[in-house]
Amino acid sequence: MRRPVYGMIACAFGIATLTSAEELTSVIQRLQVPGNFTLELMEIALEEQGFQMIRPDHPHICYTGRIDWTDAKRPVIIWQGTEIRLRFTGSQVGFVFSEGRDRNFFNVIVDGKVRSFSLVAGEKQTYLVAGLEPGEHEISLFKRSEAMFGNSRFEGFLLPSGEKSLAPTPRPFKIEFYGDSITAGACNEIEPSVTDHYEDLMLHNNYTSYGALCTRRLGADYVNVAYSGIGISLSWHPLRMPEVWDKLYPRDDSPRYDFSTPDPDMVVVNLGQNDFGYAEHIKVPFPADFVDRYVAFLRALRKQYPHAWIILASGGMSGVKSSRPLLKGLQDVYKALSKEDNRLLTYTFKAFTYAHPRVETHEKLAHELEEFIRKSGIIEKIERE
């Protein structure tokens, strides 16, 4: 037996000005890529219906993002923006997750068409994509919800007997993002008139965050290591980015990430909003050690990625507009490093909001970042190396 799965399709490709809930709904519907397939949760194992399993360690499956490979047959999908891709033949494809923890939300993208689904904590779940035209297709599973809210094990893809997986199509370069809730895409699909909240994570969609949008437009691989509330010196929780950036899981007792995958060609870092915001919240001055801590963090990042182009970005919310100490601190960080690092660039976003950016602001941020990267000549330099 099959149960149909209903969910919001979310894929944005334009810029709009939103003033009401109705307009946000209209924009998301207008910007979404209509789906031409069905997504169904199966109650009977597909293996019993003649499907063959493509295990997670199969060479035709492509991954981006930080993943726990302790068990290569059942890797743990952790971070938002993590993507699992497979090219295949046929009109159907299944996939299996298990041991979900807490709240996990994903997008499934087939040939650019998007559906969303959720994973139930502790249960093994098999989904079937059907209704495709016979022939070659590409499926992508994209984790839209933040790492801090849950993870799950990927068990593999399923193809009907007689169909086959295909060698992956490589992407030309990789961009890795470090940031806070702005970069995570938190609250971005909540109605503009509704206060930011974390109750309904289906309305937090990293797929429509500025980093993901920009990276897709550039045709690159995407990695996201962002955490809501995190800062350099001050956070809304005990974790700070300088102590977390190199971890496998978003917690202080996590093992270190092994950095065994190819290094990113570009790294975008956008932090400081919470150093400003939390200092104001607890009524203390902007942290005096912000510059020193940020410089040390970027030096550690440079040591790990000696050849990457690093973009010291800032903005998206009100911090750089409201706080002179934050703005000056970011300028001082760049001044301290620019003479020693000839692959360090800086960019301040023009688009911003006082609440968490919604999709239309992420669109503007993505457009700005894409334009900056293209005009900087980084892509041409990467291609020549």
Protein backbone atom coordinates (compact mmCIF):
# COMPACT_ATOMS: atom_id res chain seq x y z
CA MET A 1 0.00 0.00 0.00
CA ARG A 2 1.14 3.54 -0.69
CA ARG A 3 0.33 6.80 1.08
CA PRO A 4 0.65 10.05 -0.86
CA VAL A 5 2.97 12.62 0.64
CA TYR A 6 2.05 16.28 0.46
CA GLY A 7 4.48 19.10 1.10
CA MET A 8 5.49 22.57 0.12
CA ILE A 9 7.50 22.83 -3.08
CA ALA A 10 10.14 25.46 -2.55
CA CYS A 11 12.47 26.81 -5.18
CA ALA A 12 13.00 30.51 -5.74
CA PHE A 13 14.45 32.26 -8.77
CA GLY A 14 13.44 35.91 -8.58
CA ILE A 15 13.32 39.00 -6.45
CA ALA A 16 10.12 40.43 -5.01
CA THR A 17 8.97 42.80 -2.32
CA LEU A 18 6.71 41.09 0.20
CA THR A 19 4.34 42.93 2.48
CA SER A 20 1.79 40.27 3.44
CA ALA A 21 1.31 36.56 4.03
CA GLU A 22 -0.70 36.29 0.82
CA GLU A 23 2.12 37.86 -1.18
CA LEU A 24 4.70 35.50 0.33
CA THR A 25 2.54 32.50 -0.57
CA SER A 26 2.06 33.89 -4.05
CA VAL A 27 5.79 34.48 -4.53
CA ILE A 28 6.75 30.99 -3.36
CA GLN A 29 4.14 29.45 -5.65
CA ARG A 30 5.25 31.62 -8.56
CA LEU A 31 8.92 30.90 -8.03
CA GLN A 32 8.63 27.18 -7.44
CA VAL A 33 9.56 24.70 -10.16
CA PRO A 34 6.41 22.65 -10.84
CA GLY A 35 6.87 18.95 -10.22
CA ASN A 36 6.03 16.29 -12.78
CA PHE A 37 6.47 13.32 -10.47
CA THR A 38 4.77 11.81 -7.45
CA LEU A 39 6.43 11.20 -4.08
CA GLU A 40 4.94 8.45 -1.94
CA LEU A 41 5.72 6.90 1.41
CA MET A 42 5.76 3.12 1.06
CA GLU A 43 4.35 0.63 3.55
CA ILE A 44 5.79 -2.39 1.72
CA ALA A 45 9.54 -2.74 1.12
CA LEU A 46 10.43 -2.02 -2.49
CA GLU A 47 12.83 -4.97 -2.49
CA GLU A 48 9.73 -7.16 -2.28
CA GLN A 49 8.47 -5.52 -5.47
CA GLY A 50 11.50 -6.26 -7.62
CA PHE A 51 13.64 -3.21 -6.80
CA GLN A 52 17.43 -3.44 -6.43
CA MET A 53 19.29 -1.50 -3.71
CA ILE A 54 22.06 0.95 -4.60
CA ARG A 55 24.01 1.10 -1.34
CA PRO A 56 25.34 4.39 0.05
CA ASP A 57 28.96 3.51 -0.74
CA HIS A 58 28.24 2.91 -4.43
CA PRO A 59 30.62 4.99 -6.61
CA HIS A 60 27.75 6.42 -8.67
CA ILE A 61 26.29 8.27 -5.64
CA CYS A 62 27.62 11.81 -5.13
CA TYR A 63 27.66 13.54 -1.75
CA THR A 64 28.33 17.10 -0.64
CA GLY A 65 28.38 18.23 2.97
CA ARG A 66 29.80 16.94 6.23
CA ILE A 67 28.66 13.36 6.73
CA ASP A 68 29.45 10.78 9.41
CA TRP A 69 30.96 7.83 7.51
CA THR A 70 31.71 5.70 10.58
CA ASP A 71 29.37 3.11 9.04
CA ALA A 72 29.85 3.43 5.27
CA LYS A 73 26.74 1.35 4.62
CA ARG A 74 24.56 3.70 6.69
CA PRO A 75 26.11 7.19 6.78
CA VAL A 76 24.61 9.85 9.05
CA ILE A 77 23.31 12.94 7.25
CA ILE A 78 23.90 15.87 9.60
CA TRP A 79 24.18 19.38 8.18
CA GLN A 80 21.65 21.48 6.32
CA GLY A 81 22.54 21.75 2.66
CA THR A 82 23.93 18.23 2.55
CA GLU A 83 23.11 16.72 -0.83
CA ILE A 84 22.95 13.13 -2.10
CA ARG A 85 22.78 12.77 -5.91
CA LEU A 86 22.28 9.86 -8.29
CA ARG A 87 21.84 9.63 -12.06
CA PHE A 88 19.75 6.67 -13.19
CA THR A 89 17.56 5.21 -15.90
CA GLY A 90 13.87 4.40 -15.64
CA SER A 91 10.60 5.98 -14.59
CA GLN A 92 10.86 5.26 -10.84
CA VAL A 93 13.41 5.53 -8.04
CA GLY A 94 13.17 4.89 -4.31
CA PHE A 95 15.27 5.95 -1.34
CA VAL A 96 15.49 4.86 2.29
CA PHE A 97 16.33 6.65 5.55
CA SER A 98 16.42 5.25 9.09
CA GLU A 99 17.18 6.17 12.69
CA GLY A 100 16.04 9.74 12.33
CA ARG A 101 16.70 11.87 15.37
CA ASP A 102 14.42 14.74 16.34
CA ARG A 103 13.19 16.80 13.38
CA ASN A 104 14.48 16.24 9.84
CA PHE A 105 13.14 17.85 6.69
CA PHE A 106 14.42 17.27 3.15
CA ASN A 107 13.76 18.26 -0.42
CA VAL A 108 13.81 15.70 -3.18
CA ILE A 109 14.73 17.22 -6.54
CA VAL A 110 14.33 15.25 -9.76
CA ASP A 111 15.53 16.91 -12.96
CA GLY A 112 15.17 20.28 -11.25
CA LYS A 113 11.62 19.65 -9.96
CA VAL A 114 11.16 19.87 -6.19
CA ARG A 115 9.10 18.12 -3.52
CA SER A 116 9.57 18.14 0.25
CA PHE A 117 9.30 15.36 2.85
CA SER A 118 9.92 14.77 6.53
CA LEU A 119 11.46 11.89 8.45
CA VAL A 120 9.84 10.44 11.56
CA ALA A 121 12.26 10.04 14.45
CA GLY A 122 13.33 6.45 15.03
CA GLU A 123 11.51 4.96 12.03
CA LYS A 124 12.82 3.42 8.83
CA GLN A 125 11.10 5.11 5.90
CA THR A 126 11.07 4.26 2.21
CA TYR A 127 9.91 6.81 -0.34
CA LEU A 128 9.12 6.19 -4.00
CA VAL A 129 9.44 8.74 -6.79
CA ALA A 130 7.21 7.71 -9.70
CA GLY A 131 5.56 9.11 -12.81
CA LEU A 132 8.78 9.98 -14.63
CA GLU A 133 9.21 9.61 -18.35
CA PRO A 134 11.35 6.58 -19.28
CA GLY A 135 14.98 7.52 -19.79
CA GLU A 136 17.83 9.16 -17.86
CA HIS A 137 17.19 11.28 -14.78
CA GLU A 138 19.00 12.79 -11.80
CA ILE A 139 17.67 12.71 -8.25
CA SER A 140 19.00 14.83 -5.41
CA LEU A 141 18.12 14.56 -1.71
CA PHE A 142 18.79 17.91 0.00
CA LYS A 143 18.61 18.43 3.78
CA ARG A 144 16.67 21.63 4.28
CA SER A 145 16.51 21.74 8.11
CA GLU A 146 19.36 22.66 10.43
CA ALA A 147 21.86 20.20 11.85
CA MET A 148 21.07 21.33 15.39
CA PHE A 149 17.54 19.91 15.08
CA GLY A 150 18.27 16.35 13.98
CA ASN A 151 20.05 13.87 11.76
CA SER A 152 19.31 10.54 10.12
CA ARG A 153 20.95 7.59 8.40
CA PHE A 154 20.83 7.20 4.64
CA GLU A 155 20.30 3.57 3.61
CA GLY A 156 20.49 3.90 -0.19
CA PHE A 157 18.55 4.28 -3.41
CA LEU A 158 16.28 1.67 -5.03
CA LEU A 159 15.86 1.06 -8.77
CA PRO A 160 13.50 -1.32 -10.56
CA SER A 161 15.11 -4.47 -11.93
CA GLY A 162 16.54 -3.83 -15.38
CA GLU A 163 17.28 -0.16 -14.69
CA LYS A 164 20.73 1.09 -13.78
CA SER A 165 22.65 3.83 -12.04
CA LEU A 166 24.95 6.05 -14.11
CA ALA A 167 28.30 7.71 -13.54
CA PRO A 168 27.85 11.11 -11.88
CA THR A 169 28.20 14.44 -13.66
CA PRO A 170 30.90 16.42 -11.84
CA ARG A 171 30.50 20.08 -10.96
CA PRO A 172 33.38 22.46 -11.71
CA PHE A 173 34.08 23.81 -8.21
CA LYS A 174 32.86 23.87 -4.61
CA ILE A 175 31.75 26.68 -2.27
CA GLU A 176 31.61 26.24 1.51
CA PHE A 177 29.64 28.59 3.79
CA TYR A 178 30.16 29.35 7.49
CA GLY A 179 27.58 31.44 9.28
CA ASP A 180 24.64 31.79 11.63
CA SER A 181 20.86 31.65 11.16
CA ILE A 182 21.06 33.96 8.14
CA THR A 183 23.27 31.50 6.28
CA ALA A 184 21.26 28.54 7.59
CA GLY A 185 18.08 29.97 6.04
CA ALA A 186 16.25 30.04 9.37
CA CYS A 187 12.66 31.33 9.27
CA ASN A 188 12.96 32.20 5.57
CA GLU A 189 9.57 30.80 4.53
CA ILE A 190 7.60 32.12 7.50
CA GLU A 191 4.94 34.67 6.56
CA PRO A 192 6.34 38.23 6.79
CA SER A 193 3.69 39.28 9.30
CA VAL A 194 4.47 36.37 11.64
CA THR A 195 7.18 36.61 14.30
CA ASP A 196 10.30 34.51 13.75
CA HIS A 197 9.93 31.10 15.34
CA TYR A 198 11.41 27.58 15.38
CA GLU A 199 8.21 25.61 16.01
CA ASP A 200 7.59 24.66 12.37
CA LEU A 201 10.89 23.72 10.75
CA MET A 202 9.16 23.09 7.42
CA LEU A 203 9.28 26.87 7.12
CA HIS A 204 13.08 26.89 7.51
CA ASN A 205 14.50 25.95 4.13
CA ASN A 206 18.22 26.00 3.44
CA TYR A 207 17.47 25.24 -0.21
CA THR A 208 16.13 28.78 -0.61
CA SER A 209 18.89 30.43 1.46
CA TYR A 210 21.21 32.89 -0.26
CA GLY A 211 24.19 30.52 -0.25
CA ALA A 212 22.32 27.64 -1.83
CA LEU A 213 20.65 29.89 -4.41
CA CYS A 214 23.94 31.54 -5.38
CA THR A 215 25.83 28.25 -5.55
CA ARG A 216 23.22 26.62 -7.80
CA ARG A 217 23.30 29.58 -10.16
CA LEU A 218 27.07 29.21 -10.39
CA GLY A 219 26.70 25.47 -11.05
CA ALA A 220 28.91 24.51 -8.11
CA ASP A 221 28.89 22.03 -5.24
CA TYR A 222 27.60 23.44 -1.95
CA VAL A 223 28.54 22.90 1.70
CA ASN A 224 26.85 24.69 4.60
CA VAL A 225 28.28 24.82 8.15
CA ALA A 226 25.95 27.35 9.76
CA TYR A 227 24.31 27.33 13.19
CA SER A 228 21.50 29.58 14.39
CA GLY A 229 22.50 31.95 17.17
CA ILE A 230 26.25 31.40 16.81
CA GLY A 231 28.88 34.10 16.94
CA ILE A 232 32.61 34.64 17.14
CA SER A 233 32.82 35.87 20.73
CA LEU A 234 29.19 35.79 21.86
CA SER A 235 26.38 33.38 20.95
CA TRP A 236 22.80 32.81 22.11
CA HIS A 237 24.00 29.39 23.34
CA PRO A 238 27.31 27.95 24.63
CA LEU A 239 28.74 27.21 21.16
CA ARG A 240 30.93 29.67 19.26
CA MET A 241 32.09 29.24 15.69
CA PRO A 242 35.86 29.17 16.40
CA GLU A 243 35.31 26.06 18.54
CA VAL A 244 32.75 24.38 16.24
CA TRP A 245 33.82 25.06 12.64
CA ASP A 246 36.02 21.96 12.40
CA LYS A 247 33.63 19.55 14.15
CA LEU A 248 31.66 16.72 12.52
CA TYR A 249 28.52 17.42 14.57
CA PRO A 250 27.32 20.84 15.82
CA ARG A 251 28.24 20.26 19.45
CA ASP A 252 31.33 20.86 21.55
CA ASP A 253 31.93 17.16 22.32
CA SER A 254 31.84 16.14 18.65
CA PRO A 255 34.80 14.42 17.01
CA ARG A 256 36.76 16.59 14.62
CA TYR A 257 35.71 16.45 10.99
CA ASP A 258 38.34 14.55 9.02
CA PHE A 259 38.39 16.94 6.02
CA SER A 260 38.98 13.95 3.73
CA THR A 261 36.83 15.30 0.90
CA PRO A 262 38.38 17.71 -1.63
CA ASP A 263 38.88 21.22 -0.28
CA PRO A 264 36.44 23.93 -1.32
CA ASP A 265 37.57 26.36 -3.99
CA MET A 266 35.72 29.21 -2.27
CA VAL A 267 34.75 29.79 1.35
CA VAL A 268 32.17 32.40 2.36
CA VAL A 269 32.13 33.44 6.03
CA ASN A 270 29.28 35.63 7.33
CA LEU A 271 29.35 36.11 11.12
CA GLY A 272 29.00 38.89 13.68
CA GLN A 273 25.23 39.44 13.80
CA ASN A 274 24.91 37.48 17.05
CA ASP A 275 27.94 39.09 18.67
CA PHE A 276 26.08 42.36 18.22
CA GLY A 277 22.57 41.03 18.93
CA TYR A 278 23.33 39.03 22.06
CA ALA A 279 25.49 41.80 23.53
CA GLU A 280 22.54 44.16 23.15
CA HIS A 281 20.19 41.57 24.59
CA ILE A 282 22.19 41.12 27.79
CA LYS A 283 23.10 44.85 27.85
CA VAL A 284 26.89 44.55 27.64
CA PRO A 285 29.32 46.31 25.29
CA PHE A 286 30.22 44.75 21.96
CA PRO A 287 32.89 42.11 22.72
CA ALA A 288 36.37 43.60 22.92
CA ASP A 289 38.00 40.37 21.72
CA PHE A 290 35.87 40.09 18.55
CA VAL A 291 38.64 41.14 16.15
CA ASP A 292 41.31 38.92 17.71
CA ARG A 293 39.00 35.90 17.79
CA TYR A 294 37.81 36.43 14.22
CA VAL A 295 41.38 36.84 12.94
CA ALA A 296 42.45 33.64 14.72
CA PHE A 297 39.45 31.78 13.28
CA LEU A 298 40.18 32.89 9.72
CA ARG A 299 43.85 31.99 10.12
CA ALA A 300 42.83 28.50 11.24
CA LEU A 301 40.47 28.27 8.27
CA ARG A 302 43.27 29.39 5.95
CA LYS A 303 45.62 26.78 7.41
CA GLN A 304 43.04 24.08 6.66
CA TYR A 305 42.29 25.43 3.16
CA PRO A 306 45.56 26.96 1.91
CA HIS A 307 44.39 27.42 -1.69
CA ALA A 308 40.75 28.47 -1.27
CA TRP A 309 39.46 31.96 -1.97
CA ILE A 310 37.93 33.24 1.26
CA ILE A 311 35.21 35.88 1.17
CA LEU A 312 34.76 37.72 4.46
CA ALA A 313 31.10 38.64 4.05
CA SER A 314 28.81 40.57 6.37
CA GLY A 315 25.15 41.47 6.47
CA GLY A 316 21.70 40.14 5.75
CA MET A 317 20.29 41.42 9.03
CA SER A 318 20.56 44.66 10.93
CA GLY A 319 23.95 44.24 12.63
CA VAL A 320 26.16 46.06 10.17
CA LYS A 321 23.51 48.79 9.82
CA SER A 322 22.94 49.24 13.55
CA SER A 323 26.34 48.66 15.16
CA ARG A 324 29.38 50.79 14.47
CA PRO A 325 31.57 48.55 16.66
CA LEU A 326 30.56 45.51 14.56
CA LEU A 327 31.18 47.31 11.28
CA LYS A 328 34.53 48.64 12.46
CA GLY A 329 35.44 45.22 13.87
CA LEU A 330 34.82 43.57 10.51
CA GLN A 331 36.89 46.22 8.77
CA ASP A 332 39.72 45.70 11.27
CA VAL A 333 39.60 41.93 10.72
CA TYR A 334 40.07 42.42 6.99
CA LYS A 335 42.85 44.98 7.50
CA ALA A 336 44.69 42.60 9.85
CA LEU A 337 44.65 39.77 7.31
CA SER A 338 44.64 41.33 3.85
CA LYS A 339 48.39 42.00 3.76
CA GLU A 340 49.25 38.41 4.63
CA ASP A 341 46.50 36.68 2.64
CA ASN A 342 46.25 37.43 -1.08
CA ARG A 343 43.21 35.15 -1.46
CA LEU A 344 41.04 37.01 1.02
CA LEU A 345 38.23 39.25 -0.24
CA THR A 346 35.56 41.17 1.62
CA TYR A 347 31.95 42.02 0.80
CA THR A 348 29.18 43.79 2.72
CA PHE A 349 25.63 42.93 1.61
CA LYS A 350 23.28 45.78 0.82
CA ALA A 351 20.06 43.79 1.35
CA PHE A 352 19.01 43.31 4.96
CA THR A 353 16.06 42.88 7.29
CA TYR A 354 15.52 43.43 11.01
CA ALA A 355 13.89 40.02 11.46
CA HIS A 356 15.32 36.88 9.83
CA PRO A 357 15.46 37.35 6.05
CA ARG A 358 12.58 35.84 4.13
CA VAL A 359 12.93 34.28 0.69
CA GLU A 360 12.75 37.57 -1.19
CA THR A 361 15.69 38.96 0.82
CA HIS A 362 17.68 35.76 0.32
CA GLU A 363 17.08 36.24 -3.40
CA LYS A 364 18.62 39.70 -3.21
CA LEU A 365 21.55 38.44 -1.13
CA ALA A 366 22.15 35.60 -3.60
CA HIS A 367 22.08 38.01 -6.52
CA GLU A 368 24.58 40.31 -4.80
CA LEU A 369 26.96 37.48 -3.94
CA GLU A 370 26.76 35.92 -7.40
CA GLU A 371 27.50 39.27 -9.03
CA PHE A 372 30.42 39.91 -6.67
CA ILE A 373 31.94 36.48 -7.35
CA ARG A 374 31.57 36.80 -11.11
CA LYS A 375 33.05 40.30 -11.19
CA SER A 376 35.93 39.35 -8.88
CA GLY A 377 37.36 36.94 -11.46
CA ILE A 378 37.64 34.12 -8.93
CA ILE A 379 35.91 31.59 -11.19
CA GLU A 380 38.31 32.21 -14.06
CA LYS A 381 41.28 31.88 -11.70
CA ILE A 382 39.93 28.59 -10.32
CA GLU A 383 39.45 27.27 -13.86
CA ARG A 384 43.06 28.11 -14.76
CA GLU A 385 44.53 26.33 -11.74
